[in-house]
Amino acid sequence: MARSISSFSVLEYFSESGGSKCGYCNRSSSSLSHGMWAHVMSAEDYQDLIDRGWRRSGKYVYKPTMHQTCCPQYTIRCHALDFLPNKTHKKVLKKMSKFLAKGDITKGLTDESTMDMNTLPDLLPVQDHLCPDLRDPNISTKEGLQEPSEAIASNQATKTFFGSESKVQKKRTPHPGVGVDPARPLCRKAKDIRRERKRQKLLHGQPEGLKVEPRSSTPSATATASNRMSACTSQTVQRYPNSTDCAPLPSTKQPIASVSTAPTQHPQAVNRQSKLLEEFISDQGGPDASHHLEVRLVPSSFENAAFETSFEQSAALFAKYQMAIHKDTASECSHDQFTRFLCDSPLEEEHRADGPSEGYGSFHEQFWLDGKLLAVGVLDILPRCLSSVYFYYDPDYSNLSLGVYSALREIALTKRMHHEATDIRHYYIGYYIHSCPKMRYKAQYRPADLLCPESYHWVQVEHCLPLLDKAKYSRFNTDLSAGDDDCPVSLDHVMVLYNRCAMPYNVYQQRWAHSKDEAEVREYASFVGQRCAERMLLYRG
């Protein structure tokens, strides 16, 4: 029976083309993918599609032919709820806080100076069947490195202080065969000393609720361990009486202990871990800050007043970024190109009682610095994730590592939305391309998973990287018997749209027996999966 099309996603499917230029390795006619033009699509359908390796650019939705394309692109997601920033991430957050508070931008290497690792593929027309995931990592620069002029000035200052270069004492080369000086203590790493002190503090002052158990249950073993520890400490004092770096730690009569893995944890430690990223982000210098940063989440729709009024500024910033960072021409980043790739979206805004307050759909996360548009992140809010589409920023502020900063803000946004919609747990960073070094930064946001291109199961990134080191294409699921759980069994219930009427494919075949498209429909269903094939409408002309 024919059905109304008002509640369906409507798509046109394109079979694999002859290949197009790759935006990552720049080889011609080597990038292969399947594509669909999405006239309209629900957030639920797109969520299921990206969990099968699809991505969108504008209204064009594409899926790389993984075993044939030159640069296989694996869907990657970060477990936002369990994410903790690493040392590099903390440096970026502190740098932003310092800039907002004092107006100071750290001098040194800029993002452009390492742009060979950050350059994004060019925006390609839809008919080329390639709209690769576009995201600038803005890998934070290495701090502490000097520019050539600074190094020369530092060298000259050294000469002036000591009189001349020849008067500077050179490091004495030890005579061979002498060995370690027995009068000096053995060197220990600072982290080992800190770890030992922390363990001793844990033994002396155990917080309430933290269970400490001896490693051995027998008294003799405990006494032996204690005696060994006392003897070792005594030897250390006798051998290195004047040492400060290797000073003996306070002895203890308590047995060697291990922290229990019971669910009970130190409340302060748990709270600290859950608030760390949010605390960094909320630190914006206070009321006396030199700069004010405002973040606005605006629906990507010209029907929204805030989006429409900021369109010109956003388009101008996009053009400035593309021409400065990616060396695009003015025609390649025109208003039409900007609208086509980053404003148009097949996702319609949806609001549900159990969903986030922003609703589902496509959004622009705008960063306003003192009333001026600084950067924009294009996002999709879906039933189970926050999906990053693209990010662009003012090149004049490259030193702030805005790509990393925006990703951390988006992870924090995912965590916040989880409190309103508990199904939202992951942050999708687009495609991970191991064969392209500039895209490997995405694996730094951990814990993370990669999507197996054959079984469509998620596998921890730590297990995937060794496989990709051996071959650019790999099946991640080690269970060879595991297949596609959503593989179509029959085409009878695949929904199609013909003459403005929605109907199952078997009805379509009965009414129009001349149709010769069964192979194409079967291919389409195998790529989108049984659930999507029964919900979405495949246009038949």
Protein backbone atom coordinates (compact mmCIF):
# COMPACT_ATOMS: atom_id res chain seq x y z
CA MET A 1 0.00 0.00 0.00
CA ALA A 2 1.30 3.46 -0.88
CA ARG A 3 2.25 5.67 2.07
CA SER A 4 2.78 9.37 2.67
CA ILE A 5 6.36 10.63 2.32
CA SER A 6 6.15 13.35 4.97
CA SER A 7 7.95 11.30 7.68
CA PHE A 8 10.66 9.63 5.56
CA SER A 9 14.25 10.38 4.71
CA VAL A 10 14.53 10.76 0.93
CA LEU A 11 17.76 9.92 -0.91
CA GLU A 12 19.16 9.37 -4.39
CA TYR A 13 21.84 6.69 -4.61
CA PHE A 14 24.96 6.89 -6.79
CA SER A 15 26.96 3.75 -7.55
CA GLU A 16 30.73 3.86 -7.34
CA SER A 17 32.28 6.21 -9.85
CA GLY A 18 35.48 5.74 -11.83
CA GLY A 19 37.47 7.49 -9.11
CA SER A 20 38.42 11.07 -8.33
CA LYS A 21 41.43 12.97 -7.05
CA CYS A 22 42.27 12.16 -3.45
CA GLY A 23 42.31 15.13 -1.10
CA TYR A 24 44.84 13.41 1.16
CA CYS A 25 47.53 11.89 -1.08
CA ASN A 26 46.72 14.08 -4.14
CA ARG A 27 46.73 11.12 -6.50
CA SER A 28 44.36 11.48 -9.45
CA SER A 29 41.45 9.05 -9.95
CA SER A 30 42.48 6.97 -6.95
CA SER A 31 39.77 7.84 -4.43
CA LEU A 32 36.74 5.57 -4.68
CA SER A 33 33.45 5.94 -2.85
CA HIS A 34 29.70 5.44 -3.05
CA GLY A 35 27.42 8.42 -2.55
CA MET A 36 23.86 9.57 -1.93
CA TRP A 37 22.19 12.92 -2.29
CA ALA A 38 20.04 13.40 0.81
CA HIS A 39 17.07 15.68 0.12
CA VAL A 40 15.94 15.29 3.72
CA MET A 41 17.11 12.97 6.49
CA SER A 42 16.17 12.28 10.10
CA ALA A 43 18.77 12.38 12.86
CA GLU A 44 18.06 8.74 13.67
CA ASP A 45 18.75 7.61 10.10
CA TYR A 46 21.99 9.57 9.88
CA GLN A 47 23.13 8.15 13.22
CA ASP A 48 22.70 4.63 11.86
CA LEU A 49 24.48 5.58 8.63
CA ILE A 50 27.60 6.98 10.29
CA ASP A 51 27.72 3.80 12.39
CA ARG A 52 28.14 2.01 9.06
CA GLY A 53 30.93 4.25 7.77
CA TRP A 54 28.97 7.05 6.04
CA ARG A 55 29.69 10.78 6.44
CA ARG A 56 28.10 13.91 5.05
CA SER A 57 29.42 17.08 3.43
CA GLY A 58 26.53 19.43 2.91
CA LYS A 59 23.68 17.28 1.62
CA TYR A 60 26.02 14.81 -0.03
CA VAL A 61 26.50 11.59 1.99
CA TYR A 62 29.39 9.32 1.00
CA LYS A 63 30.98 6.02 2.00
CA PRO A 64 34.54 5.19 0.88
CA THR A 65 35.15 1.90 -0.91
CA MET A 66 37.50 0.81 1.82
CA HIS A 67 39.34 -2.12 0.23
CA GLN A 68 39.95 -0.25 -3.06
CA THR A 69 40.40 3.43 -2.31
CA CYS A 70 43.91 4.85 -2.01
CA CYS A 71 43.46 6.20 1.54
CA PRO A 72 41.03 4.08 3.59
CA GLN A 73 38.96 6.23 5.93
CA TYR A 74 37.84 4.66 9.21
CA THR A 75 35.09 6.16 11.33
CA ILE A 76 36.48 7.10 14.75
CA ARG A 77 34.69 8.00 17.95
CA CYS A 78 35.87 9.18 21.35
CA HIS A 79 34.28 8.05 24.62
CA ALA A 80 33.51 11.56 25.81
CA LEU A 81 32.35 10.53 29.28
CA ASP A 82 35.67 8.83 30.03
CA PHE A 83 37.90 11.36 28.29
CA LEU A 84 40.72 13.01 30.25
CA PRO A 85 42.92 15.63 28.59
CA ASN A 86 46.55 14.70 28.10
CA LYS A 87 49.54 16.96 28.63
CA THR A 88 49.26 18.54 25.18
CA HIS A 89 45.55 19.25 25.65
CA LYS A 90 46.20 20.89 29.03
CA LYS A 91 48.85 23.14 27.50
CA VAL A 92 46.35 24.34 24.89
CA LEU A 93 43.68 25.00 27.53
CA LYS A 94 46.13 26.89 29.76
CA LYS A 95 47.36 28.90 26.80
CA MET A 96 43.81 30.00 26.02
CA SER A 97 43.17 30.90 29.67
CA LYS A 98 46.37 32.94 29.78
CA PHE A 99 45.45 34.74 26.58
CA LEU A 100 41.99 35.62 27.84
CA ALA A 101 43.31 36.76 31.20
CA LYS A 102 46.38 38.72 30.11
CA GLY A 103 45.99 39.13 26.36
CA ASP A 104 49.25 37.29 25.81
CA ILE A 105 49.86 34.93 22.89
CA THR A 106 52.88 32.71 23.31
CA LYS A 107 55.52 33.47 20.72
CA GLY A 108 57.17 30.69 18.79
CA LEU A 109 56.06 28.18 16.23
CA THR A 110 52.65 28.87 14.77
CA ASP A 111 50.16 26.39 13.36
CA GLU A 112 51.17 27.44 9.86
CA SER A 113 54.79 26.45 10.56
CA THR A 114 53.69 22.84 10.85
CA MET A 115 50.97 23.05 8.27
CA ASP A 116 52.33 20.12 6.30
CA MET A 117 50.77 18.01 9.04
CA ASN A 118 47.55 19.99 9.21
CA THR A 119 46.59 20.85 5.64
CA LEU A 120 43.07 19.77 4.79
CA PRO A 121 41.95 18.31 1.47
CA ASP A 122 40.32 20.68 -0.95
CA LEU A 123 36.56 20.98 -1.13
CA LEU A 124 35.47 19.00 -4.15
CA PRO A 125 32.27 19.35 -6.19
CA VAL A 126 29.50 16.90 -5.48
CA GLN A 127 29.64 15.26 -8.89
CA ASP A 128 33.18 14.07 -8.14
CA HIS A 129 31.67 11.75 -5.52
CA LEU A 130 34.25 12.80 -2.98
CA CYS A 131 33.61 15.13 -0.09
CA PRO A 132 36.24 13.98 2.43
CA ASP A 133 35.94 14.71 6.11
CA LEU A 134 37.38 18.17 6.67
CA ARG A 135 38.88 19.03 9.99
CA ASP A 136 41.94 21.01 10.94
CA PRO A 137 43.66 19.36 13.92
CA ASN A 138 45.67 22.45 14.79
CA ILE A 139 48.20 20.24 16.49
CA SER A 140 49.57 22.27 19.34
CA THR A 141 53.04 23.62 18.70
CA LYS A 142 56.06 22.53 20.67
CA GLU A 143 56.79 25.03 23.38
CA GLY A 144 60.28 25.99 24.36
CA LEU A 145 61.78 25.95 20.86
CA GLN A 146 63.54 29.14 19.83
CA GLU A 147 63.27 30.96 16.57
CA PRO A 148 66.65 31.38 14.77
CA SER A 149 66.88 35.05 15.79
CA GLU A 150 66.14 34.21 19.41
CA ALA A 151 68.77 31.45 19.41
CA ILE A 152 71.40 33.85 18.04
CA ALA A 153 70.53 36.47 20.65
CA SER A 154 70.76 33.87 23.40
CA ASN A 155 74.16 32.71 22.15
CA GLN A 156 75.51 36.26 22.04
CA ALA A 157 74.25 36.93 25.54
CA THR A 158 76.17 33.90 26.74
CA LYS A 159 79.36 35.17 25.11
CA THR A 160 78.94 38.61 26.72
CA PHE A 161 78.39 37.19 30.17
CA PHE A 162 81.47 34.98 30.10
CA GLY A 163 83.65 37.41 28.17
CA SER A 164 84.17 35.32 25.06
CA GLU A 165 83.26 31.95 23.66
CA SER A 166 86.76 30.60 24.28
CA LYS A 167 86.50 31.29 28.00
CA VAL A 168 83.39 29.19 28.40
CA GLN A 169 84.34 26.01 30.23
CA LYS A 170 83.85 22.99 28.08
CA LYS A 171 82.32 19.85 29.49
CA ARG A 172 85.09 17.47 30.57
CA THR A 173 85.00 14.11 28.83
CA PRO A 174 85.45 11.27 31.36
CA HIS A 175 88.38 8.93 30.85
CA PRO A 176 87.35 5.52 29.55
CA GLY A 177 87.29 2.68 32.02
CA VAL A 178 86.82 4.78 35.17
CA GLY A 179 83.12 3.92 35.57
CA VAL A 180 80.58 5.36 38.03
CA ASP A 181 81.89 7.59 40.81
CA PRO A 182 81.25 5.58 44.01
CA ALA A 183 81.14 8.78 46.07
CA ARG A 184 78.02 10.00 44.29
CA PRO A 185 74.49 8.57 44.63
CA LEU A 186 72.83 6.69 41.82
CA CYS A 187 70.51 8.84 39.71
CA ARG A 188 66.78 8.27 40.00
CA LYS A 189 64.07 9.63 37.80
CA ALA A 190 61.92 12.31 39.35
CA LYS A 191 58.74 10.46 38.49
CA ASP A 192 60.02 7.38 40.36
CA ILE A 193 60.73 9.49 43.44
CA ARG A 194 57.25 11.07 43.26
CA ARG A 195 55.63 7.68 42.82
CA GLU A 196 57.44 6.33 45.90
CA ARG A 197 56.47 9.34 48.00
CA LYS A 198 52.87 9.02 46.91
CA ARG A 199 52.84 5.36 47.87
CA GLN A 200 54.26 6.18 51.30
CA LYS A 201 51.61 8.87 51.84
CA LEU A 202 48.95 6.34 50.91
CA LEU A 203 50.30 3.89 53.48
CA HIS A 204 50.46 6.49 56.28
CA GLY A 205 47.24 8.36 55.71
CA GLN A 206 44.56 6.19 54.11
CA PRO A 207 41.41 8.16 53.24
CA GLU A 208 38.13 6.85 54.52
CA GLY A 209 36.55 4.33 52.17
CA LEU A 210 39.88 3.38 50.56
CA LYS A 211 40.61 -0.28 51.23
CA VAL A 212 44.23 -1.34 51.61
CA GLU A 213 45.10 -5.02 51.65
CA PRO A 214 48.48 -6.69 52.21
CA ARG A 215 49.91 -8.57 49.27
CA SER A 216 50.69 -11.57 51.47
CA SER A 217 48.32 -13.00 54.06
CA THR A 218 51.03 -14.84 56.05
CA PRO A 219 52.78 -13.04 58.95
CA SER A 220 56.17 -14.44 57.97
CA ALA A 221 55.93 -13.05 54.47
CA THR A 222 54.89 -9.69 55.87
CA ALA A 223 57.78 -9.60 58.31
CA THR A 224 60.22 -10.61 55.61
CA ALA A 225 59.04 -7.85 53.32
CA SER A 226 59.30 -5.31 56.14
CA ASN A 227 62.80 -6.45 57.06
CA ARG A 228 63.93 -6.22 53.44
CA MET A 229 62.58 -2.71 53.19
CA SER A 230 64.36 -1.62 56.42
CA ALA A 231 67.64 -3.19 55.31
CA CYS A 232 67.45 -1.48 51.93
CA THR A 233 66.81 1.87 53.60
CA SER A 234 69.72 1.38 56.00
CA GLN A 235 72.11 0.58 53.15
CA THR A 236 71.00 3.66 51.28
CA VAL A 237 71.72 5.93 54.28
CA GLN A 238 75.15 4.44 54.84
CA ARG A 239 76.19 4.64 51.20
CA TYR A 240 74.76 8.10 50.43
CA PRO A 241 74.76 10.06 53.70
CA ASN A 242 74.76 13.49 51.98
CA SER A 243 72.29 12.74 49.22
CA THR A 244 69.20 14.84 48.76
CA ASP A 245 67.86 13.45 45.46
CA CYS A 246 68.01 9.92 46.81
CA ALA A 247 67.05 10.71 50.37
CA PRO A 248 65.52 7.70 52.14
CA LEU A 249 61.79 7.85 52.62
CA PRO A 250 60.32 7.53 56.11
CA SER A 251 60.18 3.91 57.15
CA THR A 252 56.89 2.29 58.01
CA LYS A 253 55.89 -0.70 60.03
CA GLN A 254 52.90 -1.32 57.82
CA PRO A 255 53.13 -4.15 55.30
CA ILE A 256 53.59 -3.56 51.58
CA ALA A 257 50.10 -2.84 50.35
CA SER A 258 48.05 -2.62 47.19
CA VAL A 259 44.99 -0.50 46.57
CA SER A 260 41.87 -2.60 46.22
CA THR A 261 39.95 -2.42 42.98
CA ALA A 262 36.65 -2.31 44.85
CA PRO A 263 34.05 0.20 43.56
CA THR A 264 34.64 2.45 46.59
CA GLN A 265 36.96 5.27 45.52
CA HIS A 266 38.24 8.48 46.98
CA PRO A 267 35.36 10.96 46.42
CA GLN A 268 37.68 13.88 45.79
CA ALA A 269 39.68 11.97 43.17
CA VAL A 270 36.55 10.89 41.32
CA ASN A 271 35.14 14.41 41.39
CA ARG A 272 38.46 15.84 40.21
CA GLN A 273 38.57 13.55 37.19
CA SER A 274 35.01 14.36 36.13
CA LYS A 275 35.52 18.13 36.42
CA LEU A 276 39.02 18.53 35.04
CA LEU A 277 38.12 19.42 31.44
CA GLU A 278 35.20 21.59 32.48
CA GLU A 279 37.33 23.47 35.00
CA PHE A 280 39.92 24.30 32.37
CA ILE A 281 37.27 25.55 29.96
CA SER A 282 35.40 27.62 32.54
CA ASP A 283 38.60 29.43 33.51
CA GLN A 284 38.34 32.51 31.32
CA GLY A 285 40.24 35.01 33.40
CA GLY A 286 37.45 36.43 35.56
CA PRO A 287 35.89 39.90 35.44
CA ASP A 288 39.26 41.64 35.01
CA ALA A 289 40.23 39.56 31.97
CA SER A 290 41.77 41.30 28.98
CA HIS A 291 39.49 39.44 26.54
CA HIS A 292 36.02 37.97 26.68
CA LEU A 293 35.19 34.73 24.84
CA GLU A 294 31.54 33.91 24.14
CA VAL A 295 30.43 30.59 22.62
CA ARG A 296 27.08 30.40 20.83
CA LEU A 297 25.45 27.25 19.47
CA VAL A 298 23.35 28.36 16.50
CA PRO A 299 21.13 26.10 14.34
CA SER A 300 22.40 25.89 10.75
CA SER A 301 19.29 27.35 9.20
CA PHE A 302 18.51 30.64 7.51
CA GLU A 303 15.20 30.58 9.35
CA ASN A 304 17.18 31.20 12.54
CA ALA A 305 17.74 34.93 13.15
CA ALA A 306 21.13 34.51 14.86
CA PHE A 307 22.44 32.37 12.00
CA GLU A 308 21.19 34.73 9.33
CA THR A 309 22.63 37.86 10.95
CA SER A 310 26.06 36.26 11.40
CA PHE A 311 26.18 34.66 7.93
CA GLU A 312 28.27 37.38 6.28
CA GLN A 313 30.87 37.36 9.05
CA SER A 314 30.99 33.57 9.04
CA ALA A 315 31.37 33.37 5.26
CA ALA A 316 34.12 36.01 5.30
CA LEU A 317 35.98 34.12 8.04
CA PHE A 318 35.67 30.89 6.05
CA ALA A 319 37.14 32.53 2.95
CA LYS A 320 39.98 34.08 4.97
CA TYR A 321 40.81 30.72 6.51
CA GLN A 322 40.67 28.76 3.25
CA MET A 323 42.84 31.23 1.34
CA ALA A 324 45.43 31.63 4.11
CA ILE A 325 45.69 28.05 5.33
CA HIS A 326 44.76 25.97 2.27
CA LYS A 327 45.73 28.46 -0.44
CA ASP A 328 42.31 28.34 -2.09
CA THR A 329 41.31 30.90 -4.67
CA ALA A 330 38.47 33.32 -4.00
CA SER A 331 36.14 31.34 -6.29
CA GLU A 332 36.83 28.12 -4.38
CA CYS A 333 35.59 29.63 -1.12
CA SER A 334 32.75 31.81 -2.36
CA HIS A 335 29.46 32.33 -0.57
CA ASP A 336 27.89 29.61 -2.72
CA GLN A 337 30.60 27.08 -1.85
CA PHE A 338 30.35 27.99 1.83
CA THR A 339 26.59 27.59 1.81
CA ARG A 340 26.71 24.35 -0.13
CA PHE A 341 29.21 22.54 2.08
CA LEU A 342 28.82 24.01 5.56
CA CYS A 343 25.36 25.58 5.79
CA ASP A 344 23.06 23.29 3.80
CA SER A 345 22.17 20.15 5.70
CA PRO A 346 19.66 17.36 5.10
CA LEU A 347 19.05 17.14 8.86
CA GLU A 348 15.93 18.93 9.98
CA GLU A 349 15.81 20.34 13.49
CA GLU A 350 14.08 17.89 15.84
CA HIS A 351 13.05 18.31 19.48
CA ARG A 352 12.11 15.43 21.76
CA ALA A 353 11.12 15.25 25.39
CA ASP A 354 14.05 12.97 26.20
CA GLY A 355 16.53 14.82 23.97
CA PRO A 356 18.98 17.67 24.58
CA SER A 357 17.63 21.19 25.04
CA GLU A 358 19.27 22.26 21.76
CA GLY A 359 17.43 19.54 19.87
CA TYR A 360 18.86 17.34 17.12
CA GLY A 361 20.16 18.59 13.80
CA SER A 362 23.03 20.65 12.36
CA PHE A 363 24.57 23.56 14.25
CA HIS A 364 27.35 26.12 14.05
CA GLU A 365 29.28 26.55 17.29
CA GLN A 366 30.50 30.15 17.04
CA PHE A 367 33.42 31.51 19.10
CA TRP A 368 33.13 35.28 19.56
CA LEU A 369 36.18 37.14 20.92
CA ASP A 370 35.34 40.63 22.15
CA GLY A 371 32.40 40.78 19.75
CA LYS A 372 34.40 39.53 16.74
CA LEU A 373 33.91 36.10 15.19
CA LEU A 374 37.05 34.10 16.00
CA ALA A 375 36.18 30.55 14.88
CA VAL A 376 33.29 28.27 13.88
CA GLY A 377 32.78 24.56 14.38
CA VAL A 378 30.15 22.82 12.24
CA LEU A 379 28.43 20.09 14.28
CA ASP A 380 25.65 17.52 14.03
CA ILE A 381 23.79 16.62 17.22
CA LEU A 382 22.47 13.06 16.83
CA PRO A 383 20.61 10.64 19.14
CA ARG A 384 23.80 8.91 20.36
CA CYS A 385 26.63 11.31 19.62
CA LEU A 386 27.96 14.73 18.76
CA SER A 387 29.49 14.55 15.26
CA SER A 388 32.11 17.05 14.11
CA VAL A 389 31.84 18.13 10.46
CA TYR A 390 34.38 20.95 9.96
CA PHE A 391 36.20 23.73 11.76
CA TYR A 392 37.65 27.04 10.56
CA TYR A 393 39.17 29.98 12.39
CA ASP A 394 40.89 33.35 12.05
CA PRO A 395 44.48 32.63 10.90
CA ASP A 396 45.69 35.66 12.89
CA TYR A 397 45.16 33.56 16.04
CA SER A 398 46.89 30.39 14.90
CA ASN A 399 49.15 30.42 17.98
CA LEU A 400 46.16 29.56 20.17
CA SER A 401 45.86 26.05 18.62
CA LEU A 402 42.16 26.65 18.08
CA GLY A 403 41.58 23.28 16.37
CA VAL A 404 42.57 21.39 19.52
CA TYR A 405 40.74 23.87 21.72
CA SER A 406 37.50 23.51 19.76
CA ALA A 407 37.69 19.70 19.89
CA LEU A 408 38.02 19.85 23.67
CA ARG A 409 35.07 22.23 23.84
CA GLU A 410 33.02 19.81 21.74
CA ILE A 411 33.91 16.91 24.05
CA ALA A 412 32.77 19.02 27.00
CA LEU A 413 29.55 19.82 25.11
CA THR A 414 28.96 16.10 24.55
CA LYS A 415 29.36 15.45 28.28
CA ARG A 416 26.94 18.25 29.13
CA MET A 417 24.30 17.01 26.70
CA HIS A 418 24.60 13.53 28.20
CA HIS A 419 23.03 14.86 31.40
CA GLU A 420 19.93 15.80 29.38
CA ALA A 421 19.93 12.89 26.91
CA THR A 422 21.68 9.87 28.41
CA ASP A 423 22.05 8.10 25.05
CA ILE A 424 24.51 10.77 23.89
CA ARG A 425 27.84 9.34 25.01
CA HIS A 426 30.33 9.66 22.13
CA TYR A 427 32.12 12.35 20.18
CA TYR A 428 32.63 11.45 16.50
CA ILE A 429 35.73 13.05 14.99
CA GLY A 430 35.05 12.05 11.40
CA TYR A 431 37.47 9.73 9.63
CA TYR A 432 40.78 8.40 10.88
CA ILE A 433 43.25 7.92 8.00
CA HIS A 434 46.34 6.05 9.13
CA SER A 435 48.00 6.26 5.71
CA CYS A 436 47.85 10.08 5.96
CA PRO A 437 50.08 11.30 8.84
CA LYS A 438 48.28 14.64 9.10
CA MET A 439 45.07 12.83 10.13
CA ARG A 440 46.58 10.60 12.83
CA TYR A 441 46.07 13.27 15.49
CA LYS A 442 42.50 12.03 15.95
CA ALA A 443 43.72 8.94 17.79
CA GLN A 444 45.01 11.20 20.58
CA TYR A 445 41.49 11.79 21.92
CA ARG A 446 41.14 8.64 24.00
CA PRO A 447 39.56 6.33 24.90
CA ALA A 448 38.57 5.87 21.28
CA ASP A 449 37.25 3.21 18.89
CA LEU A 450 37.56 2.56 15.18
CA LEU A 451 34.75 1.04 13.14
CA CYS A 452 35.52 -2.33 11.59
CA PRO A 453 34.85 -1.90 7.85
CA GLU A 454 33.51 -5.46 7.47
CA SER A 455 31.52 -6.34 10.59
CA TYR A 456 30.65 -2.73 11.59
CA HIS A 457 31.66 -3.44 15.18
CA TRP A 458 33.62 -0.94 17.26
CA VAL A 459 37.18 -1.93 18.23
CA GLN A 460 39.50 -0.09 20.62
CA VAL A 461 42.00 2.04 18.74
CA GLU A 462 44.93 0.45 20.59
CA HIS A 463 44.13 -2.88 18.91
CA CYS A 464 43.69 -1.29 15.48
CA LEU A 465 46.87 0.76 15.10
CA PRO A 466 49.27 -2.23 14.96
CA LEU A 467 47.16 -3.72 12.19
CA LEU A 468 47.22 -0.46 10.23
CA ASP A 469 50.99 -0.26 10.63
CA LYS A 470 51.16 -3.46 8.57
CA ALA A 471 48.52 -2.62 5.95
CA LYS A 472 46.50 0.49 5.18
CA TYR A 473 43.32 -1.59 4.94
CA SER A 474 42.47 -4.02 7.70
CA ARG A 475 39.61 -5.87 9.30
CA PHE A 476 39.67 -4.96 13.00
CA ASN A 477 37.26 -7.59 14.32
CA THR A 478 39.44 -10.63 15.02
CA ASP A 479 36.40 -12.91 15.12
CA LEU A 480 36.31 -14.01 11.50
CA SER A 481 32.89 -15.57 11.96
CA ALA A 482 31.37 -12.21 12.96
CA GLY A 483 29.55 -10.54 10.11
CA ASP A 484 27.24 -7.62 9.47
CA ASP A 485 24.42 -7.86 12.04
CA ASP A 486 22.26 -5.56 9.92
CA CYS A 487 22.88 -7.16 6.55
CA PRO A 488 19.74 -7.14 4.34
CA VAL A 489 18.18 -10.55 3.81
CA SER A 490 15.42 -9.59 1.42
CA LEU A 491 14.58 -6.59 -0.78
CA ASP A 492 10.84 -7.00 -0.25
CA HIS A 493 10.71 -4.41 2.52
CA VAL A 494 13.21 -1.92 1.09
CA MET A 495 11.27 1.32 0.74
CA VAL A 496 11.33 3.30 -2.51
CA LEU A 497 9.77 6.53 -3.72
CA TYR A 498 8.12 6.51 -7.13
CA ASN A 499 5.61 8.99 -8.56
CA ARG A 500 5.51 10.73 -5.16
CA CYS A 501 4.34 7.54 -3.48
CA ALA A 502 6.24 5.47 -0.92
CA MET A 503 6.02 1.71 -1.31
CA PRO A 504 8.02 -1.49 -0.70
CA TYR A 505 10.34 -2.53 -3.49
CA ASN A 506 8.39 -5.75 -4.25
CA VAL A 507 5.24 -3.67 -4.92
CA TYR A 508 7.28 -1.37 -7.15
CA GLN A 509 8.56 -4.37 -9.10
CA GLN A 510 5.06 -5.80 -9.56
CA ARG A 511 3.66 -2.57 -10.91
CA TRP A 512 6.63 -1.74 -13.12
CA ALA A 513 7.99 -5.06 -14.30
CA HIS A 514 10.29 -3.33 -16.79
CA SER A 515 12.54 -2.05 -13.98
CA LYS A 516 16.12 -3.33 -14.27
CA ASP A 517 17.55 -1.86 -11.10
CA GLU A 518 17.50 -4.83 -8.71
CA ALA A 519 21.31 -5.05 -8.57
CA GLU A 520 21.63 -1.37 -7.71
CA VAL A 521 18.92 -1.56 -5.03
CA ARG A 522 20.60 -4.61 -3.50
CA GLU A 523 23.93 -2.77 -3.42
CA TYR A 524 22.28 0.27 -1.80
CA ALA A 525 20.61 -1.89 0.85
CA SER A 526 23.86 -3.67 1.68
CA PHE A 527 25.60 -0.36 2.35
CA VAL A 528 22.88 1.36 4.40
CA GLY A 529 21.75 -1.77 6.28
CA GLN A 530 18.37 -3.41 6.71
CA ARG A 531 17.01 -0.93 9.28
CA CYS A 532 17.76 2.16 7.23
CA ALA A 533 16.63 0.50 4.00
CA GLU A 534 13.21 -0.13 5.57
CA ARG A 535 12.90 3.41 6.95
CA MET A 536 14.40 5.63 4.25
CA LEU A 537 12.97 6.21 0.79
CA LEU A 538 15.17 5.41 -2.21
CA TYR A 539 14.15 7.65 -5.09
CA ARG A 540 13.28 5.85 -8.32
CA GLY A 541 13.00 8.10 -11.37
